[in-house]
N, C-alpha and C. Protein backbone atom coordinates (compact mmCIF):
# COMPACT_ATOMS: atom_id res chain seq x y z
N MET A 1 106.96 -27.31 132.53
CA MET A 1 107.94 -28.32 132.20
C MET A 1 107.49 -29.67 132.75
N ASN A 2 107.90 -30.70 132.04
CA ASN A 2 107.48 -32.02 132.52
C ASN A 2 108.49 -32.59 133.50
N ASP A 3 108.04 -33.56 134.28
CA ASP A 3 108.88 -34.15 135.33
C ASP A 3 110.05 -34.94 134.77
N THR A 4 109.97 -35.42 133.52
CA THR A 4 111.08 -36.16 132.90
C THR A 4 112.31 -35.28 132.82
N LEU A 5 112.11 -34.01 132.48
CA LEU A 5 113.24 -33.08 132.40
C LEU A 5 113.96 -32.99 133.73
N PHE A 6 113.21 -32.91 134.83
CA PHE A 6 113.84 -32.80 136.14
C PHE A 6 114.61 -34.07 136.49
N ARG A 7 114.04 -35.23 136.15
CA ARG A 7 114.75 -36.48 136.41
C ARG A 7 116.03 -36.54 135.60
N ASP A 8 115.98 -36.09 134.32
CA ASP A 8 117.17 -36.09 133.47
C ASP A 8 118.24 -35.16 134.03
N LEU A 9 117.84 -34.09 134.67
CA LEU A 9 118.79 -33.14 135.25
C LEU A 9 119.21 -33.55 136.67
N HIS A 10 118.62 -34.60 137.18
CA HIS A 10 118.87 -35.06 138.54
C HIS A 10 118.58 -33.96 139.56
N ALA A 11 117.45 -33.29 139.36
CA ALA A 11 117.06 -32.20 140.25
C ALA A 11 115.59 -32.31 140.56
N GLU A 12 115.24 -31.90 141.76
CA GLU A 12 113.84 -31.80 142.13
C GLU A 12 113.31 -30.50 141.54
N ARG A 13 112.01 -30.44 141.32
CA ARG A 13 111.41 -29.24 140.73
C ARG A 13 111.72 -27.99 141.57
N GLN A 14 111.66 -28.10 142.90
CA GLN A 14 111.92 -26.96 143.76
C GLN A 14 113.37 -26.47 143.59
N GLU A 15 114.30 -27.43 143.46
CA GLU A 15 115.71 -27.06 143.25
C GLU A 15 115.88 -26.34 141.92
N PHE A 16 115.22 -26.85 140.89
CA PHE A 16 115.32 -26.25 139.57
C PHE A 16 114.71 -24.85 139.56
N ASP A 17 113.56 -24.69 140.19
CA ASP A 17 112.93 -23.37 140.29
C ASP A 17 113.82 -22.38 141.04
N ALA A 18 114.47 -22.84 142.09
CA ALA A 18 115.38 -21.97 142.85
C ALA A 18 116.56 -21.57 141.97
N TYR A 19 117.08 -22.50 141.19
CA TYR A 19 118.18 -22.20 140.27
C TYR A 19 117.75 -21.16 139.24
N LEU A 20 116.58 -21.35 138.63
CA LEU A 20 116.10 -20.39 137.64
C LEU A 20 115.92 -19.00 138.23
N LYS A 21 115.47 -18.94 139.47
CA LYS A 21 115.30 -17.65 140.13
C LYS A 21 116.65 -16.94 140.30
N LEU A 22 117.69 -17.71 140.54
CA LEU A 22 119.03 -17.13 140.70
C LEU A 22 119.61 -16.62 139.38
N VAL A 23 119.35 -17.32 138.29
CA VAL A 23 120.00 -16.97 137.02
C VAL A 23 119.11 -16.24 136.03
N ASP A 24 117.84 -16.08 136.32
CA ASP A 24 116.93 -15.41 135.40
C ASP A 24 117.30 -13.94 135.31
N PRO A 25 117.76 -13.45 134.13
CA PRO A 25 118.20 -12.06 134.01
C PRO A 25 117.08 -11.05 134.17
N LEU A 26 115.83 -11.46 134.06
CA LEU A 26 114.74 -10.52 134.27
C LEU A 26 114.39 -10.39 135.75
N ARG A 27 114.86 -11.31 136.57
CA ARG A 27 114.60 -11.26 138.01
C ARG A 27 115.81 -10.76 138.78
N SER A 28 117.00 -11.03 138.28
CA SER A 28 118.23 -10.65 138.97
C SER A 28 118.81 -9.41 138.33
N PRO A 29 119.52 -8.59 139.11
CA PRO A 29 120.19 -7.46 138.49
C PRO A 29 121.24 -7.96 137.49
N VAL A 30 121.32 -7.27 136.35
CA VAL A 30 122.26 -7.65 135.31
C VAL A 30 123.14 -6.44 135.00
N TYR A 31 124.41 -6.58 135.29
CA TYR A 31 125.38 -5.52 135.02
C TYR A 31 126.33 -6.02 133.94
N ARG A 32 126.77 -5.11 133.09
CA ARG A 32 127.72 -5.49 132.05
C ARG A 32 128.72 -4.36 131.86
N ILE A 33 129.95 -4.73 131.60
CA ILE A 33 130.97 -3.80 131.13
C ILE A 33 131.40 -4.34 129.78
N GLY A 34 131.03 -3.63 128.73
CA GLY A 34 131.29 -4.12 127.38
C GLY A 34 130.40 -5.31 127.06
N GLY A 35 130.70 -5.96 125.98
CA GLY A 35 129.95 -7.14 125.58
C GLY A 35 128.60 -6.80 124.98
N HIS A 36 127.67 -7.70 125.15
CA HIS A 36 126.34 -7.56 124.56
C HIS A 36 125.35 -7.09 125.62
N PRO A 37 124.55 -6.08 125.30
CA PRO A 37 123.56 -5.61 126.27
C PRO A 37 122.45 -6.63 126.50
N ASN A 38 121.94 -6.65 127.70
CA ASN A 38 120.78 -7.46 128.03
C ASN A 38 119.59 -6.50 128.00
N GLU A 39 118.94 -6.43 126.85
CA GLU A 39 117.93 -5.41 126.60
C GLU A 39 116.56 -5.80 127.15
N ILE A 40 115.82 -4.78 127.54
CA ILE A 40 114.47 -4.96 128.05
C ILE A 40 113.43 -4.70 126.96
N GLN A 41 113.63 -3.65 126.18
CA GLN A 41 112.61 -3.21 125.22
C GLN A 41 113.05 -3.28 123.76
N GLY A 42 114.21 -3.75 123.47
CA GLY A 42 114.64 -3.79 122.08
C GLY A 42 116.09 -3.35 121.94
N ASP A 43 116.52 -3.24 120.71
CA ASP A 43 117.92 -3.00 120.37
C ASP A 43 118.37 -1.60 120.81
N VAL A 44 119.18 -1.53 121.86
CA VAL A 44 119.67 -0.24 122.34
C VAL A 44 120.67 0.38 121.37
N ARG A 45 121.35 -0.46 120.60
CA ARG A 45 122.30 0.08 119.61
C ARG A 45 121.54 0.83 118.53
N LEU A 46 120.42 0.28 118.09
CA LEU A 46 119.59 0.97 117.10
C LEU A 46 119.02 2.25 117.68
N GLN A 47 118.58 2.18 118.91
CA GLN A 47 118.02 3.37 119.56
C GLN A 47 119.08 4.46 119.67
N ALA A 48 120.30 4.12 120.04
CA ALA A 48 121.39 5.11 120.12
C ALA A 48 121.67 5.70 118.74
N GLN A 49 121.66 4.88 117.73
CA GLN A 49 121.88 5.35 116.37
C GLN A 49 120.82 6.36 115.95
N LEU A 50 119.59 6.06 116.25
CA LEU A 50 118.50 6.94 115.84
C LEU A 50 118.49 8.25 116.63
N VAL A 51 118.59 8.17 117.95
CA VAL A 51 118.52 9.41 118.74
C VAL A 51 119.74 10.29 118.50
N SER A 52 120.89 9.68 118.23
CA SER A 52 122.08 10.49 117.95
C SER A 52 121.96 11.21 116.62
N ASN A 53 120.99 10.79 115.80
CA ASN A 53 120.72 11.46 114.53
C ASN A 53 119.45 12.30 114.61
N GLY A 54 119.01 12.61 115.84
CA GLY A 54 117.90 13.52 116.04
C GLY A 54 116.52 12.93 115.88
N ILE A 55 116.41 11.62 115.94
CA ILE A 55 115.11 10.96 115.77
C ILE A 55 114.55 10.56 117.13
N TYR A 56 113.32 10.96 117.40
CA TYR A 56 112.63 10.62 118.64
C TYR A 56 112.21 9.15 118.59
N CYS A 57 112.55 8.41 119.63
CA CYS A 57 112.24 6.97 119.66
C CYS A 57 111.21 6.61 120.72
N GLY A 58 110.39 7.56 121.12
CA GLY A 58 109.37 7.29 122.13
C GLY A 58 108.17 6.54 121.61
N ASN A 59 108.10 6.34 120.30
CA ASN A 59 107.05 5.53 119.70
C ASN A 59 107.59 4.90 118.41
N SER A 60 106.79 4.11 117.74
CA SER A 60 107.26 3.38 116.56
C SER A 60 107.53 4.28 115.36
N ASN A 61 107.01 5.51 115.36
CA ASN A 61 107.23 6.41 114.22
C ASN A 61 108.72 6.69 114.01
N GLY A 62 109.47 6.84 115.08
CA GLY A 62 110.89 7.12 114.96
C GLY A 62 111.64 5.98 114.29
N TYR A 63 111.27 4.75 114.62
CA TYR A 63 111.93 3.60 114.01
C TYR A 63 111.62 3.51 112.52
N ALA A 64 110.38 3.83 112.16
CA ALA A 64 110.00 3.85 110.74
C ALA A 64 110.77 4.95 110.01
N GLU A 65 110.90 6.11 110.64
CA GLU A 65 111.64 7.22 110.04
C GLU A 65 113.12 6.84 109.85
N GLY A 66 113.69 6.17 110.84
CA GLY A 66 115.08 5.73 110.74
C GLY A 66 115.31 4.77 109.59
N ARG A 67 114.38 3.81 109.41
CA ARG A 67 114.47 2.88 108.28
C ARG A 67 114.39 3.64 106.97
N LYS A 68 113.45 4.58 106.90
CA LYS A 68 113.24 5.36 105.68
C LYS A 68 114.50 6.17 105.32
N LYS A 69 115.19 6.69 106.33
CA LYS A 69 116.40 7.48 106.09
C LYS A 69 117.66 6.62 105.94
N GLY A 70 117.52 5.30 106.07
CA GLY A 70 118.66 4.40 105.92
C GLY A 70 119.64 4.42 107.08
N LEU A 71 119.15 4.77 108.26
CA LEU A 71 120.03 4.88 109.43
C LEU A 71 120.26 3.56 110.16
N ASN A 72 119.42 2.58 109.94
CA ASN A 72 119.49 1.34 110.72
C ASN A 72 120.84 0.62 110.60
N ALA A 73 121.45 0.70 109.43
CA ALA A 73 122.73 0.00 109.24
C ALA A 73 123.80 0.52 110.19
N GLY A 74 123.73 1.78 110.58
CA GLY A 74 124.71 2.36 111.48
C GLY A 74 124.62 1.85 112.91
N ALA A 75 123.58 1.12 113.23
CA ALA A 75 123.44 0.59 114.60
C ALA A 75 124.58 -0.36 114.94
N SER A 76 125.13 -1.03 113.96
CA SER A 76 126.22 -1.98 114.22
C SER A 76 127.52 -1.28 114.63
N ASP A 77 127.60 0.04 114.46
CA ASP A 77 128.78 0.79 114.87
C ASP A 77 128.81 1.05 116.38
N TRP A 78 127.70 0.84 117.06
CA TRP A 78 127.60 1.18 118.47
C TRP A 78 128.07 0.03 119.35
N ARG A 79 128.76 0.38 120.44
CA ARG A 79 129.28 -0.59 121.41
C ARG A 79 128.75 -0.26 122.80
N LEU A 80 128.48 -1.30 123.56
CA LEU A 80 128.08 -1.12 124.95
C LEU A 80 129.33 -0.85 125.79
N LEU A 81 129.30 0.23 126.54
CA LEU A 81 130.36 0.51 127.51
C LEU A 81 129.99 -0.05 128.87
N LEU A 82 128.75 0.25 129.30
CA LEU A 82 128.32 -0.13 130.63
C LEU A 82 126.81 -0.28 130.67
N GLN A 83 126.37 -1.30 131.37
CA GLN A 83 124.94 -1.52 131.62
C GLN A 83 124.75 -1.58 133.12
N VAL A 84 123.81 -0.77 133.64
CA VAL A 84 123.55 -0.71 135.08
C VAL A 84 122.08 -1.01 135.31
N ASP A 85 121.81 -2.01 136.11
CA ASP A 85 120.44 -2.45 136.38
C ASP A 85 119.88 -1.76 137.61
N SER A 86 118.57 -1.71 137.70
CA SER A 86 117.91 -1.27 138.93
C SER A 86 118.17 -2.33 140.00
N GLU A 87 118.43 -1.86 141.21
CA GLU A 87 118.64 -2.80 142.30
C GLU A 87 118.29 -2.09 143.60
N GLU A 88 117.24 -2.55 144.23
CA GLU A 88 116.71 -1.90 145.43
C GLU A 88 117.75 -1.79 146.54
N ARG A 89 118.51 -2.84 146.74
CA ARG A 89 119.45 -2.83 147.88
C ARG A 89 120.58 -1.82 147.72
N THR A 90 120.84 -1.37 146.48
CA THR A 90 121.88 -0.36 146.26
C THR A 90 121.30 1.04 146.14
N GLY A 91 119.98 1.14 146.11
CA GLY A 91 119.33 2.43 145.98
C GLY A 91 119.29 2.95 144.55
N MET A 92 119.62 2.10 143.60
CA MET A 92 119.56 2.50 142.19
C MET A 92 118.27 1.97 141.59
N TYR A 93 117.46 2.86 141.10
CA TYR A 93 116.18 2.45 140.54
C TYR A 93 115.90 3.32 139.33
N TRP A 94 115.92 2.75 138.16
CA TRP A 94 115.76 3.48 136.91
C TRP A 94 114.36 3.25 136.36
N GLY A 95 113.49 4.23 136.53
CA GLY A 95 112.13 4.08 136.03
C GLY A 95 111.42 2.96 136.74
N GLU A 96 110.72 2.14 135.98
CA GLU A 96 110.00 0.99 136.53
C GLU A 96 110.84 -0.26 136.34
N SER A 97 111.76 -0.51 137.26
CA SER A 97 112.68 -1.65 137.18
C SER A 97 113.45 -1.65 135.86
N GLY A 98 114.05 -0.54 135.57
CA GLY A 98 114.74 -0.40 134.29
C GLY A 98 116.24 -0.63 134.37
N ARG A 99 116.85 -0.44 133.22
CA ARG A 99 118.30 -0.51 133.08
C ARG A 99 118.77 0.70 132.29
N ILE A 100 119.96 1.17 132.63
CA ILE A 100 120.55 2.21 131.81
C ILE A 100 121.75 1.61 131.08
N TYR A 101 121.92 2.07 129.88
CA TYR A 101 122.97 1.58 128.99
C TYR A 101 123.78 2.77 128.52
N PHE A 102 125.09 2.68 128.61
CA PHE A 102 125.98 3.69 128.08
C PHE A 102 126.60 3.11 126.81
N LEU A 103 126.37 3.80 125.69
CA LEU A 103 126.83 3.30 124.39
C LEU A 103 127.70 4.35 123.70
N ILE A 104 128.61 3.86 122.87
CA ILE A 104 129.51 4.72 122.12
C ILE A 104 129.78 4.08 120.77
N ARG A 105 129.99 4.91 119.76
CA ARG A 105 130.37 4.38 118.45
C ARG A 105 131.78 3.81 118.53
N HIS A 106 132.02 2.77 117.76
CA HIS A 106 133.33 2.09 117.76
C HIS A 106 134.46 3.09 117.51
N GLU A 107 134.31 3.93 116.52
CA GLU A 107 135.36 4.89 116.17
C GLU A 107 135.60 5.88 117.30
N ASP A 108 134.54 6.32 117.96
CA ASP A 108 134.70 7.24 119.09
C ASP A 108 135.40 6.56 120.26
N LEU A 109 135.10 5.30 120.49
CA LEU A 109 135.77 4.55 121.54
C LEU A 109 137.26 4.40 121.22
N ARG A 110 137.55 4.09 119.99
CA ARG A 110 138.94 3.91 119.56
C ARG A 110 139.77 5.16 119.81
N HIS A 111 139.14 6.31 119.62
CA HIS A 111 139.83 7.59 119.80
C HIS A 111 139.57 8.21 121.18
N ARG A 112 138.93 7.43 122.06
CA ARG A 112 138.65 7.84 123.44
C ARG A 112 137.88 9.15 123.53
N ARG A 113 136.89 9.27 122.66
CA ARG A 113 136.03 10.47 122.68
C ARG A 113 134.79 10.16 123.52
N PHE A 114 134.98 10.14 124.83
CA PHE A 114 133.91 9.76 125.73
C PHE A 114 132.83 10.83 125.86
N ASP A 115 133.06 11.99 125.30
CA ASP A 115 132.02 13.01 125.25
C ASP A 115 130.94 12.64 124.23
N LYS A 116 131.15 11.58 123.48
CA LYS A 116 130.20 11.12 122.47
C LYS A 116 129.31 9.98 122.97
N VAL A 117 129.41 9.64 124.25
CA VAL A 117 128.63 8.54 124.84
C VAL A 117 127.16 8.94 124.92
N TRP A 118 126.29 7.98 124.64
CA TRP A 118 124.84 8.17 124.78
C TRP A 118 124.34 7.26 125.89
N LEU A 119 123.41 7.76 126.68
CA LEU A 119 122.76 6.98 127.72
C LEU A 119 121.35 6.64 127.24
N ILE A 120 121.01 5.38 127.31
CA ILE A 120 119.68 4.90 126.95
C ILE A 120 119.06 4.27 128.18
N LEU A 121 117.80 4.59 128.46
CA LEU A 121 117.05 4.00 129.56
C LEU A 121 115.94 3.12 128.99
N GLN A 122 115.86 1.90 129.48
CA GLN A 122 114.74 1.01 129.14
C GLN A 122 114.12 0.50 130.43
N CYS A 123 112.80 0.40 130.45
CA CYS A 123 112.06 -0.06 131.62
C CYS A 123 111.18 -1.26 131.26
N THR A 124 110.85 -2.03 132.28
CA THR A 124 109.94 -3.17 132.06
C THR A 124 108.53 -2.70 131.92
């Protein structure tokens, strides 16, 4: 970044870098209840849609198979319930600095069918 930006923000570069370190979601733990997931490796809603239909998503073949079967449109039915980040100070560590996401279809959430929740793990 150029120094003009820092002058326009009335901040020294060190102050700005410290601010970015505090708010950077890839450096700080990111927790969510509902809302939009902060994904590491791609669309967790699509991944939940595919795996819930028996498609392996450990490589790109599963995503191609899902497109071929017309399953991708169903990804919009999935909702984030909870996102839990790795955080050393709490003793929670998912893979290699990963996050776990609990997702449920909208209709299942509406009817409180929590036995239909899927857990997705993504790592950096």
